[in-house]
Amino acid sequence: MSSSCVPQVGFRLRWMTFGLVMVLAGPAWAGGQDGSKGQDKPAASEADRGGSGGASKDVDTEHLFGFTEGADAGEKGEQEVVVDTISRLGKRAAGPGSRYQVLDTKLGYQFDPIDRLSIEIGAFGNLRRVRSVVDLDDKSYGTFDGVSLEVKYQFLKGSRDQPVGLAVELRPRFSRVLPIEGNGADIFDIESVLQLDVQLVPDKLWYGGNLSFEPAAGRQRGGGPGYRSSTVLWSNALVGRVGENTYFGPEVRYQRGYDGTFLNQLEGEALFVGPALHHRFTEKAWLTLAYSGQVWGRDTGPALAGRALGLNQFERHNVRVKFGMEF
């Protein structure tokens, strides 16, 4: 990354640190409010929330792990609105003043028609500023970036007696912008995600893991070339309770990017590490923050062989801010 990008990334990391401190201070503030609104009620109230008596899981794991998603899917009649923003920052510089800043924001509405089945409809926006990046055109714009449908079914629901949760989610999506280049396109992709979580220490420590495969196909607008890609992701997170309604821990993600819809030719791989934080303001309102920095990676292209990190397919830094309201 060029020297001009370092102050920008440093500013963003300082902002994240300030935000984490403010969120961690939340439980003390919440303690002065009506205790019945916290997520972590006495054991009897938690059992009522789970709907299956004392064997129910105390904590909803769906949004607990940062970039990793937990297996919980909700109960019949539950609804939720989510604003989910992922910032992708930093590519290989081609000259002075280099910057790569892309914000992908989803507004989603989720409902549960039956127990253990959730359906979410999402609309996406894309905001980007790209300047002096290797193999990319300079761009600066914001636009509507398509819609998605997410269908999730939970096969196993964790509890104190049976601590393992397991779910499968399908995420078909139509996009109007190429994710890396930012060119206008008509792209269809469908991500398949296996979601696992385990309550390692009852009411204190949780593990979450995801394994996903995402093929994509389409064509650039204006008679441009066809687009074919696929991505494999393996993520793991370990989150512990650090406050009455606050959870914090490390997360590790490994990604591989391919040319072709069926893992035809490897183009790059990357390993990301960072913290994840989840906080419940009330029983119905929550916030998840996560940072993920690339600590290892490689690109397979001959021109990039031997260069540090995998920056052709992936970024140096990812930041996630996800806020939800249940009703």
C-alpha atoms as a PDB file:
ATOM      1  CA  MET A   1       0.000   0.000   0.000  1.00  0.00           C
ATOM      2  CA  SER A   2       1.357   3.458  -0.846  1.00  0.00           C
ATOM      3  CA  SER A   3       2.287   5.917   1.894  1.00  0.00           C
ATOM      4  CA  SER A   4      -0.731   8.089   1.028  1.00  0.00           C
ATOM      5  CA  CYS A   5      -3.077   5.205   1.863  1.00  0.00           C
ATOM      6  CA  VAL A   6      -1.576   4.535   5.291  1.00  0.00           C
ATOM      7  CA  PRO A   7      -3.127   7.624   6.994  1.00  0.00           C
ATOM      8  CA  GLN A   8      -6.531   6.731   5.523  1.00  0.00           C
ATOM      9  CA  VAL A   9      -6.399   3.135   6.823  1.00  0.00           C
ATOM     10  CA  GLY A  10      -4.983   4.331  10.145  1.00  0.00           C
ATOM     11  CA  PHE A  11      -7.876   6.791  10.511  1.00  0.00           C
ATOM     12  CA  ARG A  12     -10.392   3.996   9.836  1.00  0.00           C
ATOM     13  CA  LEU A  13      -8.735   1.644  12.337  1.00  0.00           C
ATOM     14  CA  ARG A  14      -8.729   4.403  15.004  1.00  0.00           C
ATOM     15  CA  TRP A  15     -12.419   4.981  14.296  1.00  0.00           C
ATOM     16  CA  MET A  16     -13.098   1.256  14.711  1.00  0.00           C
ATOM     17  CA  THR A  17     -11.222   1.190  18.040  1.00  0.00           C
ATOM     18  CA  PHE A  18     -13.274   4.139  19.324  1.00  0.00           C
ATOM     19  CA  GLY A  19     -16.469   2.392  18.237  1.00  0.00           C
ATOM     20  CA  LEU A  20     -15.517  -0.867  19.971  1.00  0.00           C
ATOM     21  CA  VAL A  21     -14.798   0.984  23.215  1.00  0.00           C
ATOM     22  CA  MET A  22     -18.172   2.742  23.056  1.00  0.00           C
ATOM     23  CA  VAL A  23     -19.990  -0.531  22.428  1.00  0.00           C
ATOM     24  CA  LEU A  24     -18.167  -2.298  25.231  1.00  0.00           C
ATOM     25  CA  ALA A  25     -19.325   0.499  27.523  1.00  0.00           C
ATOM     26  CA  GLY A  26     -22.906  -0.296  26.546  1.00  0.00           C
ATOM     27  CA  PRO A  27     -23.588  -2.983  29.210  1.00  0.00           C
ATOM     28  CA  ALA A  28     -22.855  -0.516  32.016  1.00  0.00           C
ATOM     29  CA  TRP A  29     -25.343   1.933  30.542  1.00  0.00           C
ATOM     30  CA  ALA A  30     -27.878  -0.793  29.866  1.00  0.00           C
ATOM     31  CA  GLY A  31     -27.606  -1.970  33.462  1.00  0.00           C
ATOM     32  CA  GLY A  32     -29.262   1.280  34.558  1.00  0.00           C
ATOM     33  CA  GLN A  33     -32.269   0.626  32.359  1.00  0.00           C
ATOM     34  CA  ASP A  34     -35.111  -1.835  32.685  1.00  0.00           C
ATOM     35  CA  GLY A  35     -33.381  -5.202  33.157  1.00  0.00           C
ATOM     36  CA  SER A  36     -36.235  -6.998  31.411  1.00  0.00           C
ATOM     37  CA  LYS A  37     -35.043  -5.594  28.070  1.00  0.00           C
ATOM     38  CA  GLY A  38     -31.576  -7.227  28.066  1.00  0.00           C
ATOM     39  CA  GLN A  39     -30.956 -10.371  26.098  1.00  0.00           C
ATOM     40  CA  ASP A  40     -29.625 -12.266  29.069  1.00  0.00           C
ATOM     41  CA  LYS A  41     -32.617 -12.643  31.355  1.00  0.00           C
ATOM     42  CA  PRO A  42     -32.817 -15.093  34.244  1.00  0.00           C
ATOM     43  CA  ALA A  43     -32.792 -18.743  33.205  1.00  0.00           C
ATOM     44  CA  ALA A  44     -36.586 -19.057  33.128  1.00  0.00           C
ATOM     45  CA  SER A  45     -36.968 -16.151  30.678  1.00  0.00           C
ATOM     46  CA  GLU A  46     -34.257 -17.556  28.417  1.00  0.00           C
ATOM     47  CA  ALA A  47     -36.082 -20.859  28.325  1.00  0.00           C
ATOM     48  CA  ASP A  48     -39.293 -19.104  27.326  1.00  0.00           C
ATOM     49  CA  ARG A  49     -37.447 -17.360  24.505  1.00  0.00           C
ATOM     50  CA  GLY A  50     -36.093 -20.679  23.201  1.00  0.00           C
ATOM     51  CA  GLY A  51     -39.559 -22.180  23.230  1.00  0.00           C
ATOM     52  CA  SER A  52     -38.400 -25.612  24.407  1.00  0.00           C
ATOM     53  CA  GLY A  53     -37.976 -25.335  28.151  1.00  0.00           C
ATOM     54  CA  GLY A  54     -34.737 -25.460  30.086  1.00  0.00           C
ATOM     55  CA  ALA A  55     -32.911 -27.290  27.248  1.00  0.00           C
ATOM     56  CA  SER A  56     -33.126 -24.247  24.930  1.00  0.00           C
ATOM     57  CA  LYS A  57     -30.096 -22.237  23.919  1.00  0.00           C
ATOM     58  CA  ASP A  58     -29.519 -19.074  25.917  1.00  0.00           C
ATOM     59  CA  VAL A  59     -28.045 -16.927  23.142  1.00  0.00           C
ATOM     60  CA  ASP A  60     -29.189 -16.424  19.547  1.00  0.00           C
ATOM     61  CA  THR A  61     -26.038 -17.303  17.564  1.00  0.00           C
ATOM     62  CA  GLU A  62     -27.121 -16.080  14.106  1.00  0.00           C
ATOM     63  CA  HIS A  63     -25.252 -12.731  14.288  1.00  0.00           C
ATOM     64  CA  LEU A  64     -22.827 -13.587  17.088  1.00  0.00           C
ATOM     65  CA  PHE A  65     -19.591 -14.230  15.159  1.00  0.00           C
ATOM     66  CA  GLY A  66     -18.738 -11.249  12.935  1.00  0.00           C
ATOM     67  CA  PHE A  67     -18.268 -12.340   9.300  1.00  0.00           C
ATOM     68  CA  THR A  68     -19.124 -15.917  10.280  1.00  0.00           C
ATOM     69  CA  GLU A  69     -22.842 -16.670  10.661  1.00  0.00           C
ATOM     70  CA  GLY A  70     -24.283 -18.867  13.390  1.00  0.00           C
ATOM     71  CA  ALA A  71     -26.768 -21.676  12.803  1.00  0.00           C
ATOM     72  CA  ASP A  72     -29.812 -20.226  14.608  1.00  0.00           C
ATOM     73  CA  ALA A  73     -32.760 -19.474  12.308  1.00  0.00           C
ATOM     74  CA  GLY A  74     -35.561 -18.276  14.604  1.00  0.00           C
ATOM     75  CA  GLU A  75     -39.105 -19.351  15.373  1.00  0.00           C
ATOM     76  CA  LYS A  76     -42.379 -19.097  13.493  1.00  0.00           C
ATOM     77  CA  GLY A  77     -43.664 -15.525  13.251  1.00  0.00           C
ATOM     78  CA  GLU A  78     -40.397 -13.737  14.058  1.00  0.00           C
ATOM     79  CA  GLN A  79     -39.328 -10.845  11.819  1.00  0.00           C
ATOM     80  CA  GLU A  80     -36.169  -8.777  11.540  1.00  0.00           C
ATOM     81  CA  VAL A  81     -34.774  -5.768   9.670  1.00  0.00           C
ATOM     82  CA  VAL A  82     -30.996  -5.657   9.126  1.00  0.00           C
ATOM     83  CA  VAL A  83     -28.617  -3.011   7.767  1.00  0.00           C
ATOM     84  CA  ASP A  84     -25.354  -4.749   6.881  1.00  0.00           C
ATOM     85  CA  THR A  85     -22.333  -2.797   5.536  1.00  0.00           C
ATOM     86  CA  ILE A  86     -19.054  -4.437   4.520  1.00  0.00           C
ATOM     87  CA  SER A  87     -16.147  -2.116   3.678  1.00  0.00           C
ATOM     88  CA  ARG A  88     -13.419  -3.527   1.427  1.00  0.00           C
ATOM     89  CA  LEU A  89     -10.251  -1.454   1.676  1.00  0.00           C
ATOM     90  CA  GLY A  90      -6.842  -1.584   0.004  1.00  0.00           C
ATOM     91  CA  LYS A  91      -5.415  -3.049  -3.214  1.00  0.00           C
ATOM     92  CA  ARG A  92      -1.984  -3.112  -4.826  1.00  0.00           C
ATOM     93  CA  ALA A  93      -0.900   0.467  -5.608  1.00  0.00           C
ATOM     94  CA  ALA A  94       0.011   1.495  -9.156  1.00  0.00           C
ATOM     95  CA  GLY A  95       1.285   4.948  -8.203  1.00  0.00           C
ATOM     96  CA  PRO A  96       1.037   7.829  -5.730  1.00  0.00           C
ATOM     97  CA  GLY A  97      -2.341   8.623  -4.219  1.00  0.00           C
ATOM     98  CA  SER A  98      -3.557   5.045  -4.577  1.00  0.00           C
ATOM     99  CA  ARG A  99      -6.827   4.153  -2.903  1.00  0.00           C
ATOM    100  CA  TYR A 100      -9.372   1.339  -3.053  1.00  0.00           C
ATOM    101  CA  GLN A 101     -12.477   1.926  -0.939  1.00  0.00           C
ATOM    102  CA  VAL A 102     -15.653  -0.043  -1.598  1.00  0.00           C
ATOM    103  CA  LEU A 103     -18.715  -0.090   0.673  1.00  0.00           C
ATOM    104  CA  ASP A 104     -21.325  -2.776   0.036  1.00  0.00           C
ATOM    105  CA  THR A 105     -24.531  -2.144   2.012  1.00  0.00           C
ATOM    106  CA  LYS A 106     -27.523  -4.466   2.259  1.00  0.00           C
ATOM    107  CA  LEU A 107     -30.952  -3.568   3.605  1.00  0.00           C
ATOM    108  CA  GLY A 108     -32.657  -6.839   4.475  1.00  0.00           C
ATOM    109  CA  TYR A 109     -36.057  -7.958   5.746  1.00  0.00           C
ATOM    110  CA  GLN A 110     -36.179 -11.424   7.303  1.00  0.00           C
ATOM    111  CA  PHE A 111     -39.187 -13.468   8.363  1.00  0.00           C
ATOM    112  CA  ASP A 112     -39.705 -17.001   9.689  1.00  0.00           C
ATOM    113  CA  PRO A 113     -42.781 -18.736   8.182  1.00  0.00           C
ATOM    114  CA  ILE A 114     -42.173 -21.854  10.309  1.00  0.00           C
ATOM    115  CA  ASP A 115     -39.818 -22.860  13.102  1.00  0.00           C
ATOM    116  CA  ARG A 116     -36.166 -23.192  12.001  1.00  0.00           C
ATOM    117  CA  LEU A 117     -36.781 -21.702   8.546  1.00  0.00           C
ATOM    118  CA  SER A 118     -35.857 -18.096   7.743  1.00  0.00           C
ATOM    119  CA  ILE A 119     -36.275 -16.169   4.488  1.00  0.00           C
ATOM    120  CA  GLU A 120     -34.587 -12.832   3.860  1.00  0.00           C
ATOM    121  CA  ILE A 121     -35.126 -10.403   0.993  1.00  0.00           C
ATOM    122  CA  GLY A 122     -32.286  -7.922   0.457  1.00  0.00           C
ATOM    123  CA  ALA A 123     -31.489  -4.845  -1.636  1.00  0.00           C
ATOM    124  CA  PHE A 124     -27.868  -3.722  -2.162  1.00  0.00           C
ATOM    125  CA  GLY A 125     -26.069  -0.428  -2.656  1.00  0.00           C
ATOM    126  CA  ASN A 126     -22.480   0.018  -3.801  1.00  0.00           C
ATOM    127  CA  LEU A 127     -20.257   3.031  -3.076  1.00  0.00           C
ATOM    128  CA  ARG A 128     -16.668   3.057  -4.355  1.00  0.00           C
ATOM    129  CA  ARG A 129     -13.614   5.277  -4.752  1.00  0.00           C
ATOM    130  CA  VAL A 130     -10.782   3.713  -6.755  1.00  0.00           C
ATOM    131  CA  ARG A 131      -7.639   5.521  -7.844  1.00  0.00           C
ATOM    132  CA  SER A 132      -4.228   4.365  -9.096  1.00  0.00           C
ATOM    133  CA  VAL A 133      -4.718   0.626  -8.439  1.00  0.00           C
ATOM    134  CA  VAL A 134      -2.960  -2.108 -10.442  1.00  0.00           C
ATOM    135  CA  ASP A 135      -5.166  -3.413 -13.323  1.00  0.00           C
ATOM    136  CA  LEU A 136      -8.196  -1.309 -12.296  1.00  0.00           C
ATOM    137  CA  ASP A 137      -9.684   1.852 -13.818  1.00  0.00           C
ATOM    138  CA  ASP A 138     -10.156   4.930 -11.640  1.00  0.00           C
ATOM    139  CA  LYS A 139     -13.790   5.177 -10.493  1.00  0.00           C
ATOM    140  CA  SER A 140     -15.857   7.174  -8.012  1.00  0.00           C
ATOM    141  CA  TYR A 141     -19.610   6.621  -7.762  1.00  0.00           C
ATOM    142  CA  GLY A 142     -22.499   5.168  -5.804  1.00  0.00           C
ATOM    143  CA  THR A 143     -25.265   3.011  -7.260  1.00  0.00           C
ATOM    144  CA  PHE A 144     -27.992   0.445  -6.643  1.00  0.00           C
ATOM    145  CA  ASP A 145     -26.411  -3.002  -6.895  1.00  0.00           C
ATOM    146  CA  GLY A 146     -29.172  -5.581  -7.158  1.00  0.00           C
ATOM    147  CA  VAL A 147     -31.265  -7.836  -4.961  1.00  0.00           C
ATOM    148  CA  SER A 148     -30.964 -11.148  -3.138  1.00  0.00           C
ATOM    149  CA  LEU A 149     -33.022 -13.906  -1.541  1.00  0.00           C
ATOM    150  CA  GLU A 150     -31.601 -15.880   1.389  1.00  0.00           C
ATOM    151  CA  VAL A 151     -33.235 -19.125   2.530  1.00  0.00           C
ATOM    152  CA  LYS A 152     -31.946 -20.856   5.638  1.00  0.00           C
ATOM    153  CA  TYR A 153     -33.010 -24.073   7.352  1.00  0.00           C
ATOM    154  CA  GLN A 154     -31.706 -25.185  10.736  1.00  0.00           C
ATOM    155  CA  PHE A 155     -31.314 -28.956  11.065  1.00  0.00           C
ATOM    156  CA  LEU A 156     -29.956 -28.965  14.625  1.00  0.00           C
ATOM    157  CA  LYS A 157     -30.660 -26.408  17.330  1.00  0.00           C
ATOM    158  CA  GLY A 158     -28.058 -26.180  20.069  1.00  0.00           C
ATOM    159  CA  SER A 159     -28.889 -26.343  23.758  1.00  0.00           C
ATOM    160  CA  ARG A 160     -27.108 -27.034  27.039  1.00  0.00           C
ATOM    161  CA  ASP A 161     -27.801 -30.747  26.662  1.00  0.00           C
ATOM    162  CA  GLN A 162     -27.057 -30.840  22.904  1.00  0.00           C
ATOM    163  CA  PRO A 163     -24.645 -27.971  22.212  1.00  0.00           C
ATOM    164  CA  VAL A 164     -24.300 -28.339  18.427  1.00  0.00           C
ATOM    165  CA  GLY A 165     -26.241 -26.172  15.965  1.00  0.00           C
ATOM    166  CA  LEU A 166     -26.257 -26.931  12.224  1.00  0.00           C
ATOM    167  CA  ALA A 167     -27.902 -25.115   9.303  1.00  0.00           C
ATOM    168  CA  VAL A 168     -27.690 -24.744   5.522  1.00  0.00           C
ATOM    169  CA  GLU A 169     -28.344 -21.464   3.711  1.00  0.00           C
ATOM    170  CA  LEU A 170     -28.774 -20.673  -0.001  1.00  0.00           C
ATOM    171  CA  ARG A 171     -28.195 -17.082  -1.174  1.00  0.00           C
ATOM    172  CA  PRO A 172     -29.102 -16.409  -4.821  1.00  0.00           C
ATOM    173  CA  ARG A 173     -28.316 -12.836  -5.876  1.00  0.00           C
ATOM    174  CA  PHE A 174     -28.548 -10.605  -8.930  1.00  0.00           C
ATOM    175  CA  SER A 175     -25.818  -7.914  -9.107  1.00  0.00           C
ATOM    176  CA  ARG A 176     -25.405  -4.895 -11.385  1.00  0.00           C
ATOM    177  CA  VAL A 177     -21.725  -4.231 -10.680  1.00  0.00           C
ATOM    178  CA  LEU A 178     -18.595  -6.396 -10.959  1.00  0.00           C
ATOM    179  CA  PRO A 179     -17.372  -6.786  -7.358  1.00  0.00           C
ATOM    180  CA  ILE A 180     -13.695  -5.970  -7.997  1.00  0.00           C
ATOM    181  CA  GLU A 181     -13.561  -3.903 -11.194  1.00  0.00           C
ATOM    182  CA  GLY A 182     -16.765  -1.933 -10.553  1.00  0.00           C
ATOM    183  CA  ASN A 183     -17.902  -2.099 -14.191  1.00  0.00           C
ATOM    184  CA  GLY A 184     -21.612  -2.282 -14.999  1.00  0.00           C
ATOM    185  CA  ALA A 185     -22.767  -5.870 -15.540  1.00  0.00           C
ATOM    186  CA  ASP A 186     -25.593  -8.351 -15.146  1.00  0.00           C
ATOM    187  CA  ILE A 187     -24.314 -11.031 -12.767  1.00  0.00           C
ATOM    188  CA  PHE A 188     -26.103 -13.950 -11.114  1.00  0.00           C
ATOM    189  CA  ASP A 189     -24.483 -15.865  -8.273  1.00  0.00           C
ATOM    190  CA  ILE A 190     -25.669 -18.327  -5.660  1.00  0.00           C
ATOM    191  CA  GLU A 191     -23.777 -18.927  -2.448  1.00  0.00           C
ATOM    192  CA  SER A 192     -24.281 -22.186  -0.546  1.00  0.00           C
ATOM    193  CA  VAL A 193     -23.260 -22.010   3.125  1.00  0.00           C
ATOM    194  CA  LEU A 194     -22.916 -24.753   5.727  1.00  0.00           C
ATOM    195  CA  GLN A 195     -23.187 -23.168   9.188  1.00  0.00           C
ATOM    196  CA  LEU A 196     -22.059 -24.788  12.430  1.00  0.00           C
ATOM    197  CA  ASP A 197     -21.932 -23.495  15.985  1.00  0.00           C
ATOM    198  CA  VAL A 198     -21.050 -25.179  19.256  1.00  0.00           C
ATOM    199  CA  GLN A 199     -21.662 -23.980  22.811  1.00  0.00           C
ATOM    200  CA  LEU A 200     -18.265 -24.970  24.236  1.00  0.00           C
ATOM    201  CA  VAL A 201     -18.892 -23.618  27.739  1.00  0.00           C
ATOM    202  CA  PRO A 202     -22.580 -23.140  28.602  1.00  0.00           C
ATOM    203  CA  ASP A 203     -23.562 -19.460  28.450  1.00  0.00           C
ATOM    204  CA  LYS A 204     -19.893 -18.368  28.241  1.00  0.00           C
ATOM    205  CA  LEU A 205     -18.038 -19.545  25.111  1.00  0.00           C
ATOM    206  CA  TRP A 206     -19.161 -20.344  21.556  1.00  0.00           C
ATOM    207  CA  TYR A 207     -17.489 -21.593  18.385  1.00  0.00           C
ATOM    208  CA  GLY A 208     -18.863 -20.763  14.937  1.00  0.00           C
ATOM    209  CA  GLY A 209     -17.759 -22.124  11.565  1.00  0.00           C
ATOM    210  CA  ASN A 210     -18.862 -21.625   7.939  1.00  0.00           C
ATOM    211  CA  LEU A 211     -17.965 -23.435   4.729  1.00  0.00           C
ATOM    212  CA  SER A 212     -19.267 -21.857   1.510  1.00  0.00           C
ATOM    213  CA  PHE A 213     -19.087 -22.156  -2.262  1.00  0.00           C
ATOM    214  CA  GLU A 214     -20.175 -19.270  -4.505  1.00  0.00           C
ATOM    215  CA  PRO A 215     -20.214 -19.559  -8.309  1.00  0.00           C
ATOM    216  CA  ALA A 216     -21.056 -16.470 -10.403  1.00  0.00           C
ATOM    217  CA  ALA A 217     -21.777 -15.927 -14.088  1.00  0.00           C
ATOM    218  CA  GLY A 218     -22.896 -13.029 -16.297  1.00  0.00           C
ATOM    219  CA  ARG A 219     -21.782 -10.414 -18.787  1.00  0.00           C
ATOM    220  CA  GLN A 220     -20.559  -6.849 -18.691  1.00  0.00           C
ATOM    221  CA  ARG A 221     -22.911  -4.285 -20.198  1.00  0.00           C
ATOM    222  CA  GLY A 222     -22.284  -2.624 -23.553  1.00  0.00           C
ATOM    223  CA  GLY A 223     -21.223  -5.795 -25.309  1.00  0.00           C
ATOM    224  CA  GLY A 224     -18.397  -6.451 -22.859  1.00  0.00           C
ATOM    225  CA  PRO A 225     -16.848  -9.861 -22.182  1.00  0.00           C
ATOM    226  CA  GLY A 226     -18.522 -12.607 -20.223  1.00  0.00           C
ATOM    227  CA  TYR A 227     -17.847 -13.009 -16.524  1.00  0.00           C
ATOM    228  CA  ARG A 228     -17.232 -16.334 -14.752  1.00  0.00           C
ATOM    229  CA  SER A 229     -15.880 -16.754 -11.248  1.00  0.00           C
ATOM    230  CA  SER A 230     -16.173 -18.881  -8.115  1.00  0.00           C
ATOM    231  CA  THR A 231     -15.095 -18.499  -4.500  1.00  0.00           C
ATOM    232  CA  VAL A 232     -14.559 -20.900  -1.616  1.00  0.00           C
ATOM    233  CA  LEU A 233     -14.634 -19.671   1.983  1.00  0.00           C
ATOM    234  CA  TRP A 234     -13.788 -21.376   5.277  1.00  0.00           C
ATOM    235  CA  SER A 235     -14.299 -19.222   8.376  1.00  0.00           C
ATOM    236  CA  ASN A 236     -13.946 -19.883  12.092  1.00  0.00           C
ATOM    237  CA  ALA A 237     -14.747 -17.729  15.120  1.00  0.00           C
ATOM    238  CA  LEU A 238     -14.464 -18.146  18.887  1.00  0.00           C
ATOM    239  CA  VAL A 239     -16.599 -15.741  20.921  1.00  0.00           C
ATOM    240  CA  GLY A 240     -16.870 -15.384  24.680  1.00  0.00           C
ATOM    241  CA  ARG A 241     -19.179 -13.381  26.929  1.00  0.00           C
ATOM    242  CA  VAL A 242     -17.309 -10.308  28.183  1.00  0.00           C
ATOM    243  CA  GLY A 243     -20.291  -8.419  29.596  1.00  0.00           C
ATOM    244  CA  GLU A 244     -23.917  -8.983  30.445  1.00  0.00           C
ATOM    245  CA  ASN A 245     -24.949  -8.438  26.805  1.00  0.00           C
ATOM    246  CA  THR A 246     -21.561  -8.229  25.048  1.00  0.00           C
ATOM    247  CA  TYR A 247     -19.577 -10.942  23.259  1.00  0.00           C
ATOM    248  CA  PHE A 248     -16.051 -10.698  21.850  1.00  0.00           C
ATOM    249  CA  GLY A 249     -13.444 -12.953  20.276  1.00  0.00           C
ATOM    250  CA  PRO A 250     -11.108 -13.730  17.359  1.00  0.00           C
ATOM    251  CA  GLU A 251     -12.118 -14.759  13.842  1.00  0.00           C
ATOM    252  CA  VAL A 252     -10.067 -16.447  11.083  1.00  0.00           C
ATOM    253  CA  ARG A 253     -11.160 -16.670   7.430  1.00  0.00           C
ATOM    254  CA  TYR A 254      -9.513 -18.436   4.480  1.00  0.00           C
ATOM    255  CA  GLN A 255     -10.658 -17.634   0.919  1.00  0.00           C
ATOM    256  CA  ARG A 256      -9.784 -18.909  -2.553  1.00  0.00           C
ATOM    257  CA  GLY A 257     -10.826 -17.138  -5.758  1.00  0.00           C
ATOM    258  CA  TYR A 258     -11.103 -18.889  -9.131  1.00  0.00           C
ATOM    259  CA  ASP A 259     -11.607 -18.018 -12.770  1.00  0.00           C
ATOM    260  CA  GLY A 260     -14.581 -20.097 -13.967  1.00  0.00           C
ATOM    261  CA  THR A 261     -17.812 -21.069 -12.237  1.00  0.00           C
ATOM    262  CA  PHE A 262     -16.615 -24.503 -11.092  1.00  0.00           C
ATOM    263  CA  LEU A 263     -13.217 -23.792  -9.505  1.00  0.00           C
ATOM    264  CA  ASN A 264     -11.554 -24.003 -12.915  1.00  0.00           C
ATOM    265  CA  GLN A 265      -8.362 -21.983 -12.372  1.00  0.00           C
ATOM    266  CA  LEU A 266      -7.019 -20.634  -9.099  1.00  0.00           C
ATOM    267  CA  GLU A 267      -6.361 -16.884  -9.255  1.00  0.00           C
ATOM    268  CA  GLY A 268      -5.615 -16.080  -5.622  1.00  0.00           C
ATOM    269  CA  GLU A 269      -5.951 -17.069  -1.985  1.00  0.00           C
ATOM    270  CA  ALA A 270      -5.856 -15.150   1.281  1.00  0.00           C
ATOM    271  CA  LEU A 271      -5.961 -15.625   5.047  1.00  0.00           C
ATOM    272  CA  PHE A 272      -7.714 -13.007   7.196  1.00  0.00           C
ATOM    273  CA  VAL A 273      -7.548 -12.536  10.976  1.00  0.00           C
ATOM    274  CA  GLY A 274      -9.363 -10.073  13.201  1.00  0.00           C
ATOM    275  CA  PRO A 275     -11.712  -9.475  16.149  1.00  0.00           C
ATOM    276  CA  ALA A 276     -15.503  -9.777  16.221  1.00  0.00           C
ATOM    277  CA  LEU A 277     -17.846  -8.086  18.675  1.00  0.00           C
ATOM    278  CA  HIS A 278     -21.588  -8.533  19.239  1.00  0.00           C
ATOM    279  CA  HIS A 279     -23.701  -6.421  21.594  1.00  0.00           C
ATOM    280  CA  ARG A 280     -27.392  -6.528  22.541  1.00  0.00           C
ATOM    281  CA  PHE A 281     -28.807  -3.110  23.396  1.00  0.00           C
ATOM    282  CA  THR A 282     -32.202  -4.636  24.192  1.00  0.00           C
ATOM    283  CA  GLU A 283     -33.842  -8.006  23.608  1.00  0.00           C
ATOM    284  CA  LYS A 284     -34.817  -6.794  20.127  1.00  0.00           C
ATOM    285  CA  ALA A 285     -31.920  -4.541  19.028  1.00  0.00           C
ATOM    286  CA  TRP A 286     -28.322  -5.639  18.417  1.00  0.00           C
ATOM    287  CA  LEU A 287     -25.065  -4.590  16.760  1.00  0.00           C
ATOM    288  CA  THR A 288     -22.219  -6.677  15.315  1.00  0.00           C
ATOM    289  CA  LEU A 289     -18.789  -5.196  14.504  1.00  0.00           C
ATOM    290  CA  ALA A 290     -15.906  -7.077  12.902  1.00  0.00           C
ATOM    291  CA  TYR A 291     -12.510  -6.278  11.411  1.00  0.00           C
ATOM    292  CA  SER A 292     -10.552  -8.684   9.218  1.00  0.00           C
ATOM    293  CA  GLY A 293      -7.021  -7.986   7.944  1.00  0.00           C
ATOM    294  CA  GLN A 294      -5.146 -10.050   5.374  1.00  0.00           C
ATOM    295  CA  VAL A 295      -2.082 -11.595   7.036  1.00  0.00           C
ATOM    296  CA  TRP A 296      -1.096 -13.982   4.237  1.00  0.00           C
ATOM    297  CA  GLY A 297      -1.993 -14.514   0.601  1.00  0.00           C
ATOM    298  CA  ARG A 298      -0.771 -14.934  -2.958  1.00  0.00           C
ATOM    299  CA  ASP A 299      -1.791 -14.265  -6.549  1.00  0.00           C
ATOM    300  CA  THR A 300      -1.120 -16.904  -9.198  1.00  0.00           C
ATOM    301  CA  GLY A 301      -0.739 -14.586 -12.212  1.00  0.00           C
ATOM    302  CA  PRO A 302       2.812 -14.588 -13.675  1.00  0.00           C
ATOM    303  CA  ALA A 303       3.097 -10.793 -13.390  1.00  0.00           C
ATOM    304  CA  LEU A 304       2.273 -10.958  -9.658  1.00  0.00           C
ATOM    305  CA  ALA A 305       4.206 -14.102  -8.719  1.00  0.00           C
ATOM    306  CA  GLY A 306       6.281 -13.560  -5.605  1.00  0.00           C
ATOM    307  CA  ARG A 307       4.409 -10.410  -4.544  1.00  0.00           C
ATOM    308  CA  ALA A 308       3.149 -10.219  -0.980  1.00  0.00           C
ATOM    309  CA  LEU A 309      -0.528 -10.967  -0.217  1.00  0.00           C
ATOM    310  CA  GLY A 310      -3.387 -11.983  -2.496  1.00  0.00           C
ATOM    311  CA  LEU A 311      -4.659  -8.602  -3.680  1.00  0.00           C
ATOM    312  CA  ASN A 312      -5.935  -9.501  -7.144  1.00  0.00           C
ATOM    313  CA  GLN A 313      -9.092 -11.185  -5.819  1.00  0.00           C
ATOM    314  CA  PHE A 314      -9.155  -9.881  -2.237  1.00  0.00           C
ATOM    315  CA  GLU A 315      -8.498  -6.728  -0.211  1.00  0.00           C
ATOM    316  CA  ARG A 316      -6.080  -5.840   2.586  1.00  0.00           C
ATOM    317  CA  HIS A 317      -8.812  -4.929   5.071  1.00  0.00           C
ATOM    318  CA  ASN A 318     -12.480  -5.809   5.593  1.00  0.00           C
ATOM    319  CA  VAL A 319     -14.751  -4.046   8.093  1.00  0.00           C
ATOM    320  CA  ARG A 320     -18.294  -5.151   8.878  1.00  0.00           C
ATOM    321  CA  VAL A 321     -20.959  -3.121  10.683  1.00  0.00           C
ATOM    322  CA  LYS A 322     -24.314  -4.911  11.036  1.00  0.00           C
ATOM    323  CA  PHE A 323     -27.302  -3.537  12.952  1.00  0.00           C
ATOM    324  CA  GLY A 324     -30.625  -5.326  13.413  1.00  0.00           C
ATOM    325  CA  MET A 325     -34.075  -4.849  14.922  1.00  0.00           C
ATOM    326  CA  GLU A 326     -36.345  -7.811  15.699  1.00  0.00           C
ATOM    327  CA  PHE A 327     -40.120  -7.556  15.989  1.00  0.00           C
END
